[in-house]
Amino acid sequence: MTIRPIDAILSEQDIEEVMAALDTVRQKLPFLVGLTPEDRRKLPKLGRKSQTFVMQALDMAENHSELMPRFLDVKEARRDVQLFEALNPVLQSLSRLRELVEDTQMVAGSEAYAAARLAYNSAKTSGKNMGLDEVVNDLSRQFSRKPRKAQGSQPDSSEGTNG
């Protein structure tokens, strides 16, 4: 796996322009809704198989309107299907953009972390008695591991006592 190094700067003006562009996207989609995780779980999902069902059921409802409940608005349901289909390319594009932003952020963070580890290791090996001991000691806490208690071991007798 070859990951191309990143050498870029995102200026404050660029960030403002990107945020304004995203705000424009949100303004073009004023009907967007937010759902809780529970709402997402409870809603029936429209997929390829169920989309065929929806179209066939709406056709049937339209052709036999005398058998349908009065509150069933087939035209509204068809508009919902159209919106569902129209949002698909937008969702795909946004998903790809999000993936690119997340991957780029991950690579930039990884590069920064690798550089920091190199600096730390260099100071640890070459910086002894050069005024870096305190900083190296502080940085070493990042890599210190807390000792794990052996599974099934008894708690220390001094734990949980007030004495």
N, C-alpha and C. Protein backbone atom coordinates (compact mmCIF):
# COMPACT_ATOMS: atom_id res chain seq x y z
N MET A 1 0.84 -1.18 0.00
CA MET A 1 0.00 0.00 0.00
C MET A 1 0.89 1.24 0.00
N THR A 2 0.72 2.07 -1.02
CA THR A 2 1.47 3.30 -1.12
C THR A 2 0.53 4.47 -0.86
N ILE A 3 0.86 5.24 0.15
CA ILE A 3 0.04 6.40 0.48
C ILE A 3 0.85 7.63 0.11
N ARG A 4 0.26 8.44 -0.72
CA ARG A 4 0.93 9.65 -1.17
C ARG A 4 1.01 10.63 -0.01
N PRO A 5 2.21 11.16 0.26
CA PRO A 5 2.33 12.14 1.35
C PRO A 5 1.52 13.40 1.03
N ILE A 6 1.06 14.03 2.06
CA ILE A 6 0.27 15.25 1.90
C ILE A 6 1.13 16.44 2.27
N ASP A 7 1.13 17.42 1.38
CA ASP A 7 1.83 18.67 1.64
C ASP A 7 0.89 19.78 1.21
N ALA A 8 0.02 20.19 2.12
CA ALA A 8 -1.00 21.17 1.78
C ALA A 8 -1.28 22.06 2.97
N ILE A 9 -1.81 23.21 2.66
CA ILE A 9 -2.26 24.15 3.68
C ILE A 9 -3.68 24.54 3.33
N LEU A 10 -4.54 24.52 4.32
CA LEU A 10 -5.92 24.95 4.15
C LEU A 10 -6.05 26.27 4.89
N SER A 11 -6.07 27.36 4.13
CA SER A 11 -6.09 28.70 4.74
C SER A 11 -7.44 28.98 5.38
N GLU A 12 -7.46 29.99 6.23
CA GLU A 12 -8.71 30.41 6.87
C GLU A 12 -9.72 30.82 5.80
N GLN A 13 -9.24 31.51 4.75
CA GLN A 13 -10.15 31.92 3.67
C GLN A 13 -10.71 30.71 2.94
N ASP A 14 -9.85 29.69 2.68
CA ASP A 14 -10.33 28.46 2.04
C ASP A 14 -11.39 27.78 2.91
N ILE A 15 -11.14 27.71 4.21
CA ILE A 15 -12.11 27.09 5.13
C ILE A 15 -13.42 27.84 5.08
N GLU A 16 -13.36 29.18 5.12
CA GLU A 16 -14.58 29.99 5.07
C GLU A 16 -15.34 29.75 3.77
N GLU A 17 -14.61 29.64 2.65
CA GLU A 17 -15.26 29.43 1.35
C GLU A 17 -15.88 28.04 1.27
N VAL A 18 -15.20 27.04 1.80
CA VAL A 18 -15.75 25.68 1.81
C VAL A 18 -17.00 25.65 2.69
N MET A 19 -16.92 26.27 3.85
CA MET A 19 -18.07 26.29 4.75
C MET A 19 -19.25 27.03 4.11
N ALA A 20 -18.97 28.11 3.38
CA ALA A 20 -20.03 28.84 2.68
C ALA A 20 -20.65 27.97 1.59
N ALA A 21 -19.82 27.22 0.87
CA ALA A 21 -20.33 26.32 -0.16
C ALA A 21 -21.21 25.24 0.46
N LEU A 22 -20.78 24.71 1.60
CA LEU A 22 -21.59 23.70 2.28
C LEU A 22 -22.90 24.31 2.79
N ASP A 23 -22.84 25.55 3.23
CA ASP A 23 -24.05 26.23 3.67
C ASP A 23 -25.01 26.42 2.50
N THR A 24 -24.46 26.71 1.31
CA THR A 24 -25.28 26.83 0.11
C THR A 24 -25.97 25.51 -0.19
N VAL A 25 -25.24 24.41 -0.04
CA VAL A 25 -25.84 23.09 -0.25
C VAL A 25 -26.99 22.89 0.73
N ARG A 26 -26.77 23.21 2.00
CA ARG A 26 -27.84 23.07 3.01
C ARG A 26 -29.05 23.93 2.66
N GLN A 27 -28.80 25.14 2.15
CA GLN A 27 -29.90 26.04 1.78
C GLN A 27 -30.69 25.49 0.60
N LYS A 28 -30.02 24.78 -0.29
CA LYS A 28 -30.69 24.18 -1.45
C LYS A 28 -31.52 22.96 -1.05
N LEU A 29 -31.30 22.48 0.16
CA LEU A 29 -32.02 21.31 0.67
C LEU A 29 -32.72 21.66 1.98
N PRO A 30 -33.64 22.64 1.96
CA PRO A 30 -34.24 23.11 3.21
C PRO A 30 -35.14 22.08 3.88
N PHE A 31 -35.47 21.01 3.20
CA PHE A 31 -36.38 20.00 3.72
C PHE A 31 -35.65 18.88 4.46
N LEU A 32 -34.32 18.97 4.57
CA LEU A 32 -33.58 17.90 5.26
C LEU A 32 -34.05 17.77 6.70
N VAL A 33 -34.07 16.54 7.18
CA VAL A 33 -34.48 16.26 8.56
C VAL A 33 -33.37 15.51 9.27
N GLY A 34 -33.36 15.61 10.57
CA GLY A 34 -32.42 14.85 11.40
C GLY A 34 -33.17 13.78 12.16
N LEU A 35 -32.56 12.62 12.27
CA LEU A 35 -33.19 11.50 12.98
C LEU A 35 -32.31 11.06 14.14
N THR A 36 -32.93 10.58 15.18
CA THR A 36 -32.19 9.96 16.26
C THR A 36 -31.84 8.53 15.83
N PRO A 37 -30.88 7.90 16.47
CA PRO A 37 -30.59 6.50 16.14
C PRO A 37 -31.83 5.62 16.29
N GLU A 38 -32.65 5.89 17.29
CA GLU A 38 -33.86 5.10 17.47
C GLU A 38 -34.84 5.33 16.32
N ASP A 39 -34.97 6.59 15.88
CA ASP A 39 -35.82 6.87 14.72
C ASP A 39 -35.34 6.08 13.50
N ARG A 40 -34.04 6.05 13.30
CA ARG A 40 -33.48 5.34 12.15
C ARG A 40 -33.81 3.84 12.22
N ARG A 41 -33.73 3.29 13.41
CA ARG A 41 -34.02 1.85 13.57
C ARG A 41 -35.48 1.55 13.28
N LYS A 42 -36.37 2.43 13.70
CA LYS A 42 -37.81 2.17 13.61
C LYS A 42 -38.37 2.36 12.20
N LEU A 43 -37.75 3.23 11.41
CA LEU A 43 -38.31 3.52 10.09
C LEU A 43 -38.15 2.35 9.13
N PRO A 44 -39.20 2.03 8.37
CA PRO A 44 -39.02 1.04 7.30
C PRO A 44 -38.12 1.64 6.23
N LYS A 45 -37.24 0.86 5.66
CA LYS A 45 -36.25 1.35 4.71
C LYS A 45 -36.67 1.03 3.28
N LEU A 46 -36.43 1.98 2.39
CA LEU A 46 -36.71 1.78 0.98
C LEU A 46 -35.41 1.38 0.30
N GLY A 47 -35.40 0.18 -0.25
CA GLY A 47 -34.24 -0.32 -0.98
C GLY A 47 -34.69 -0.78 -2.36
N ARG A 48 -33.81 -1.47 -3.06
CA ARG A 48 -34.14 -1.90 -4.43
C ARG A 48 -35.38 -2.78 -4.48
N LYS A 49 -35.44 -3.78 -3.62
CA LYS A 49 -36.60 -4.68 -3.63
C LYS A 49 -37.86 -3.93 -3.20
N SER A 50 -37.76 -3.15 -2.14
CA SER A 50 -38.95 -2.46 -1.66
C SER A 50 -39.35 -1.32 -2.59
N GLN A 51 -38.42 -0.80 -3.37
CA GLN A 51 -38.77 0.26 -4.32
C GLN A 51 -39.71 -0.27 -5.40
N THR A 52 -39.45 -1.49 -5.86
CA THR A 52 -40.35 -2.13 -6.82
C THR A 52 -41.73 -2.32 -6.19
N PHE A 53 -41.76 -2.77 -4.97
CA PHE A 53 -43.02 -2.94 -4.24
C PHE A 53 -43.77 -1.62 -4.18
N VAL A 54 -43.07 -0.54 -3.81
CA VAL A 54 -43.70 0.78 -3.68
C VAL A 54 -44.32 1.21 -5.01
N MET A 55 -43.57 1.09 -6.08
CA MET A 55 -44.08 1.51 -7.39
C MET A 55 -45.31 0.69 -7.80
N GLN A 56 -45.24 -0.61 -7.60
CA GLN A 56 -46.38 -1.46 -7.96
C GLN A 56 -47.60 -1.14 -7.09
N ALA A 57 -47.39 -0.94 -5.81
CA ALA A 57 -48.49 -0.64 -4.89
C ALA A 57 -49.12 0.71 -5.23
N LEU A 58 -48.29 1.70 -5.56
CA LEU A 58 -48.84 3.02 -5.92
C LEU A 58 -49.59 2.97 -7.24
N ASP A 59 -49.08 2.19 -8.20
CA ASP A 59 -49.81 2.00 -9.46
C ASP A 59 -51.18 1.37 -9.18
N MET A 60 -51.20 0.35 -8.35
CA MET A 60 -52.45 -0.32 -8.00
C MET A 60 -53.41 0.66 -7.31
N ALA A 61 -52.87 1.44 -6.38
CA ALA A 61 -53.70 2.40 -5.65
C ALA A 61 -54.28 3.44 -6.60
N GLU A 62 -53.50 3.85 -7.56
CA GLU A 62 -53.99 4.83 -8.53
C GLU A 62 -55.06 4.24 -9.44
N ASN A 63 -54.86 3.01 -9.86
CA ASN A 63 -55.80 2.35 -10.76
C ASN A 63 -57.08 1.90 -10.05
N HIS A 64 -57.02 1.75 -8.75
CA HIS A 64 -58.20 1.29 -8.00
C HIS A 64 -58.45 2.22 -6.80
N SER A 65 -58.53 3.49 -7.11
CA SER A 65 -58.66 4.50 -6.05
C SER A 65 -59.93 4.32 -5.22
N GLU A 66 -60.95 3.69 -5.83
CA GLU A 66 -62.21 3.48 -5.10
C GLU A 66 -62.04 2.52 -3.93
N LEU A 67 -60.98 1.70 -3.96
CA LEU A 67 -60.75 0.73 -2.88
C LEU A 67 -59.80 1.27 -1.80
N MET A 68 -59.21 2.42 -2.05
CA MET A 68 -58.17 2.95 -1.16
C MET A 68 -58.77 3.87 -0.11
N PRO A 69 -58.13 3.96 1.06
CA PRO A 69 -58.61 4.90 2.08
C PRO A 69 -58.48 6.34 1.55
N ARG A 70 -59.39 7.19 1.98
CA ARG A 70 -59.40 8.58 1.49
C ARG A 70 -58.13 9.34 1.86
N PHE A 71 -57.52 9.00 2.98
CA PHE A 71 -56.35 9.74 3.42
C PHE A 71 -55.06 9.33 2.68
N LEU A 72 -55.12 8.31 1.82
CA LEU A 72 -53.95 7.90 1.05
C LEU A 72 -53.76 8.87 -0.11
N ASP A 73 -52.66 9.61 -0.07
CA ASP A 73 -52.35 10.60 -1.12
C ASP A 73 -51.27 10.00 -2.02
N VAL A 74 -51.70 9.41 -3.12
CA VAL A 74 -50.78 8.73 -4.04
C VAL A 74 -49.83 9.72 -4.68
N LYS A 75 -50.34 10.91 -5.03
CA LYS A 75 -49.46 11.93 -5.64
C LYS A 75 -48.34 12.31 -4.67
N GLU A 76 -48.65 12.47 -3.40
CA GLU A 76 -47.62 12.79 -2.39
C GLU A 76 -46.63 11.65 -2.27
N ALA A 77 -47.12 10.42 -2.28
CA ALA A 77 -46.23 9.26 -2.19
C ALA A 77 -45.30 9.21 -3.41
N ARG A 78 -45.81 9.54 -4.58
CA ARG A 78 -44.96 9.56 -5.79
C ARG A 78 -43.92 10.68 -5.71
N ARG A 79 -44.29 11.82 -5.12
CA ARG A 79 -43.30 12.88 -4.91
C ARG A 79 -42.21 12.42 -3.95
N ASP A 80 -42.60 11.64 -2.94
CA ASP A 80 -41.60 11.08 -2.01
C ASP A 80 -40.65 10.15 -2.74
N VAL A 81 -41.16 9.35 -3.65
CA VAL A 81 -40.31 8.46 -4.44
C VAL A 81 -39.36 9.28 -5.31
N GLN A 82 -39.89 10.33 -5.94
CA GLN A 82 -39.04 11.19 -6.78
C GLN A 82 -37.93 11.85 -5.95
N LEU A 83 -38.27 12.31 -4.76
CA LEU A 83 -37.27 12.92 -3.90
C LEU A 83 -36.22 11.88 -3.49
N PHE A 84 -36.68 10.71 -3.13
CA PHE A 84 -35.76 9.62 -2.78
C PHE A 84 -34.77 9.38 -3.91
N GLU A 85 -35.26 9.29 -5.12
CA GLU A 85 -34.40 9.04 -6.27
C GLU A 85 -33.50 10.23 -6.59
N ALA A 86 -34.03 11.45 -6.46
CA ALA A 86 -33.25 12.65 -6.75
C ALA A 86 -32.11 12.84 -5.75
N LEU A 87 -32.29 12.41 -4.50
CA LEU A 87 -31.26 12.57 -3.48
C LEU A 87 -30.12 11.56 -3.64
N ASN A 88 -30.35 10.50 -4.39
CA ASN A 88 -29.34 9.46 -4.52
C ASN A 88 -27.99 9.97 -5.06
N PRO A 89 -27.93 10.69 -6.19
CA PRO A 89 -26.63 11.18 -6.65
C PRO A 89 -25.99 12.19 -5.69
N VAL A 90 -26.84 12.98 -5.02
CA VAL A 90 -26.32 13.95 -4.04
C VAL A 90 -25.67 13.19 -2.89
N LEU A 91 -26.36 12.17 -2.40
CA LEU A 91 -25.85 11.37 -1.29
C LEU A 91 -24.55 10.66 -1.69
N GLN A 92 -24.50 10.11 -2.89
CA GLN A 92 -23.29 9.43 -3.34
C GLN A 92 -22.11 10.40 -3.42
N SER A 93 -22.35 11.58 -3.95
CA SER A 93 -21.29 12.58 -4.06
C SER A 93 -20.81 13.04 -2.69
N LEU A 94 -21.76 13.31 -1.79
CA LEU A 94 -21.39 13.74 -0.44
C LEU A 94 -20.66 12.63 0.32
N SER A 95 -21.09 11.40 0.13
CA SER A 95 -20.43 10.28 0.80
C SER A 95 -18.99 10.15 0.33
N ARG A 96 -18.77 10.29 -0.97
CA ARG A 96 -17.41 10.21 -1.51
C ARG A 96 -16.56 11.37 -1.00
N LEU A 97 -17.13 12.58 -0.97
CA LEU A 97 -16.41 13.74 -0.46
C LEU A 97 -16.06 13.54 1.01
N ARG A 98 -17.00 13.05 1.79
CA ARG A 98 -16.73 12.80 3.22
C ARG A 98 -15.60 11.78 3.39
N GLU A 99 -15.65 10.73 2.59
CA GLU A 99 -14.61 9.71 2.67
C GLU A 99 -13.23 10.31 2.33
N LEU A 100 -13.17 11.15 1.30
CA LEU A 100 -11.91 11.79 0.92
C LEU A 100 -11.40 12.71 2.03
N VAL A 101 -12.31 13.49 2.62
CA VAL A 101 -11.91 14.40 3.71
C VAL A 101 -11.42 13.59 4.90
N GLU A 102 -12.14 12.53 5.28
CA GLU A 102 -11.72 11.70 6.41
C GLU A 102 -10.37 11.04 6.14
N ASP A 103 -10.17 10.51 4.93
CA ASP A 103 -8.91 9.85 4.60
C ASP A 103 -7.76 10.84 4.61
N THR A 104 -7.99 12.03 4.05
CA THR A 104 -6.95 13.06 4.01
C THR A 104 -6.60 13.50 5.43
N GLN A 105 -7.61 13.67 6.27
CA GLN A 105 -7.35 14.05 7.67
C GLN A 105 -6.55 12.94 8.36
N MET A 106 -6.90 11.69 8.08
CA MET A 106 -6.20 10.57 8.71
C MET A 106 -4.73 10.54 8.28
N VAL A 107 -4.46 10.74 6.99
CA VAL A 107 -3.08 10.73 6.51
C VAL A 107 -2.30 11.90 7.10
N ALA A 108 -2.91 13.10 7.11
CA ALA A 108 -2.23 14.27 7.69
C ALA A 108 -1.91 14.04 9.16
N GLY A 109 -2.86 13.49 9.90
CA GLY A 109 -2.62 13.19 11.32
C GLY A 109 -1.55 12.14 11.50
N SER A 110 -1.56 11.13 10.65
CA SER A 110 -0.56 10.07 10.73
C SER A 110 0.83 10.62 10.45
N GLU A 111 0.94 11.48 9.44
CA GLU A 111 2.23 12.08 9.13
C GLU A 111 2.74 12.93 10.29
N ALA A 112 1.83 13.72 10.90
CA ALA A 112 2.22 14.55 12.03
C ALA A 112 2.66 13.69 13.22
N TYR A 113 1.92 12.61 13.46
CA TYR A 113 2.25 11.71 14.56
C TYR A 113 3.59 11.01 14.32
N ALA A 114 3.85 10.60 13.08
CA ALA A 114 5.14 9.97 12.75
C ALA A 114 6.29 10.94 12.96
N ALA A 115 6.10 12.20 12.56
CA ALA A 115 7.14 13.21 12.76
C ALA A 115 7.38 13.45 14.24
N ALA A 116 6.31 13.50 15.03
CA ALA A 116 6.44 13.71 16.47
C ALA A 116 7.16 12.54 17.13
N ARG A 117 6.85 11.31 16.71
CA ARG A 117 7.54 10.14 17.26
C ARG A 117 9.02 10.16 16.90
N LEU A 118 9.33 10.57 15.68
CA LEU A 118 10.73 10.68 15.27
C LEU A 118 11.47 11.70 16.13
N ALA A 119 10.83 12.85 16.35
CA ALA A 119 11.44 13.89 17.20
C ALA A 119 11.63 13.37 18.62
N TYR A 120 10.63 12.69 19.14
CA TYR A 120 10.70 12.15 20.49
C TYR A 120 11.85 11.13 20.61
N ASN A 121 11.88 10.17 19.68
CA ASN A 121 12.92 9.14 19.72
C ASN A 121 14.31 9.74 19.55
N SER A 122 14.43 10.73 18.71
CA SER A 122 15.72 11.39 18.51
C SER A 122 16.16 12.11 19.79
N ALA A 123 15.23 12.82 20.41
CA ALA A 123 15.55 13.52 21.66
C ALA A 123 15.86 12.52 22.77
N LYS A 124 15.16 11.39 22.77
CA LYS A 124 15.36 10.38 23.80
C LYS A 124 16.77 9.77 23.69
N THR A 125 17.23 9.54 22.47
CA THR A 125 18.53 8.89 22.31
C THR A 125 19.69 9.89 22.25
N SER A 126 19.46 11.06 21.67
CA SER A 126 20.56 12.01 21.48
C SER A 126 20.50 13.21 22.41
N GLY A 127 19.43 13.38 23.14
CA GLY A 127 19.26 14.60 23.92
C GLY A 127 19.52 14.46 25.39
N LYS A 128 20.12 13.34 25.81
CA LYS A 128 20.39 13.17 27.23
C LYS A 128 21.36 14.25 27.71
N ASN A 129 21.07 14.81 28.89
CA ASN A 129 21.88 15.83 29.53
C ASN A 129 22.05 17.07 28.65
N MET A 130 21.05 17.34 27.83
CA MET A 130 21.10 18.53 26.98
C MET A 130 19.90 19.44 27.26
N GLY A 131 19.30 19.25 28.44
CA GLY A 131 18.18 20.08 28.83
C GLY A 131 16.83 19.59 28.31
N LEU A 132 16.79 18.38 27.77
CA LEU A 132 15.55 17.85 27.23
C LEU A 132 14.94 16.76 28.10
N ASP A 133 15.63 16.42 29.18
CA ASP A 133 15.18 15.30 30.00
C ASP A 133 13.73 15.47 30.50
N GLU A 134 13.36 16.65 30.94
CA GLU A 134 12.01 16.87 31.47
C GLU A 134 10.97 16.74 30.36
N VAL A 135 11.27 17.32 29.20
CA VAL A 135 10.33 17.24 28.08
C VAL A 135 10.20 15.79 27.61
N VAL A 136 11.32 15.08 27.49
CA VAL A 136 11.30 13.68 27.06
C VAL A 136 10.51 12.85 28.07
N ASN A 137 10.71 13.13 29.35
CA ASN A 137 9.97 12.42 30.38
C ASN A 137 8.47 12.67 30.26
N ASP A 138 8.08 13.93 30.03
CA ASP A 138 6.67 14.25 29.83
C ASP A 138 6.11 13.52 28.60
N LEU A 139 6.87 13.53 27.52
CA LEU A 139 6.42 12.87 26.29
C LEU A 139 6.33 11.36 26.45
N SER A 140 7.20 10.80 27.31
CA SER A 140 7.21 9.34 27.48
C SER A 140 5.91 8.83 28.11
N ARG A 141 5.18 9.71 28.76
CA ARG A 141 3.91 9.29 29.37
C ARG A 141 2.91 8.83 28.31
N GLN A 142 3.05 9.31 27.09
CA GLN A 142 2.17 8.88 26.00
C GLN A 142 2.30 7.38 25.78
N PHE A 143 3.48 6.84 26.01
CA PHE A 143 3.73 5.44 25.71
C PHE A 143 3.72 4.54 26.93
N SER A 144 3.53 5.13 28.11
CA SER A 144 3.52 4.30 29.31
C SER A 144 2.20 3.54 29.39
N ARG A 145 2.29 2.32 29.82
CA ARG A 145 1.10 1.48 29.96
C ARG A 145 0.83 1.26 31.44
N LYS A 146 -0.43 1.33 31.76
CA LYS A 146 -0.80 1.04 33.13
C LYS A 146 -0.79 -0.47 33.28
N PRO A 147 -0.22 -0.96 34.38
CA PRO A 147 -0.17 -2.42 34.56
C PRO A 147 -1.58 -2.97 34.72
N ARG A 148 -1.82 -4.06 34.04
CA ARG A 148 -3.12 -4.73 34.13
C ARG A 148 -3.09 -5.70 35.30
N LYS A 149 -4.22 -5.80 35.97
CA LYS A 149 -4.33 -6.81 37.02
C LYS A 149 -4.55 -8.15 36.35
N ALA A 150 -3.93 -9.16 36.90
CA ALA A 150 -4.12 -10.50 36.35
C ALA A 150 -5.57 -10.90 36.50
N GLN A 151 -6.12 -11.52 35.48
CA GLN A 151 -7.51 -11.94 35.56
C GLN A 151 -7.68 -12.96 36.68
N GLY A 152 -8.73 -12.76 37.44
CA GLY A 152 -9.03 -13.70 38.52
C GLY A 152 -8.22 -13.46 39.78
N SER A 153 -7.34 -12.45 39.75
CA SER A 153 -6.54 -12.21 40.96
C SER A 153 -7.40 -11.51 42.00
N GLN A 154 -7.01 -11.68 43.22
CA GLN A 154 -7.73 -11.08 44.33
C GLN A 154 -7.33 -9.62 44.45
N PRO A 155 -8.28 -8.75 44.79
CA PRO A 155 -7.92 -7.34 45.00
C PRO A 155 -6.97 -7.21 46.17
N ASP A 156 -6.14 -6.18 46.08
CA ASP A 156 -5.19 -5.89 47.14
C ASP A 156 -5.96 -5.69 48.45
N SER A 157 -5.44 -6.20 49.55
CA SER A 157 -6.15 -6.13 50.83
C SER A 157 -6.34 -4.71 51.30
N SER A 158 -5.51 -3.77 50.80
CA SER A 158 -5.66 -2.38 51.24
C SER A 158 -6.75 -1.66 50.44
N GLU A 159 -7.19 -2.23 49.32
CA GLU A 159 -8.24 -1.58 48.52
C GLU A 159 -9.57 -1.69 49.24
N GLY A 160 -10.30 -0.61 49.19
CA GLY A 160 -11.64 -0.60 49.74
C GLY A 160 -11.69 -0.52 51.26
N THR A 161 -10.58 -0.24 51.91
CA THR A 161 -10.63 -0.08 53.36
C THR A 161 -10.34 1.37 53.71
N ASN A 162 -10.85 1.80 54.79
CA ASN A 162 -10.62 3.16 55.26
C ASN A 162 -9.67 3.14 56.42
N GLY A 163 -8.53 2.72 56.21
CA GLY A 163 -7.77 2.57 57.41
C GLY A 163 -6.42 2.90 57.41
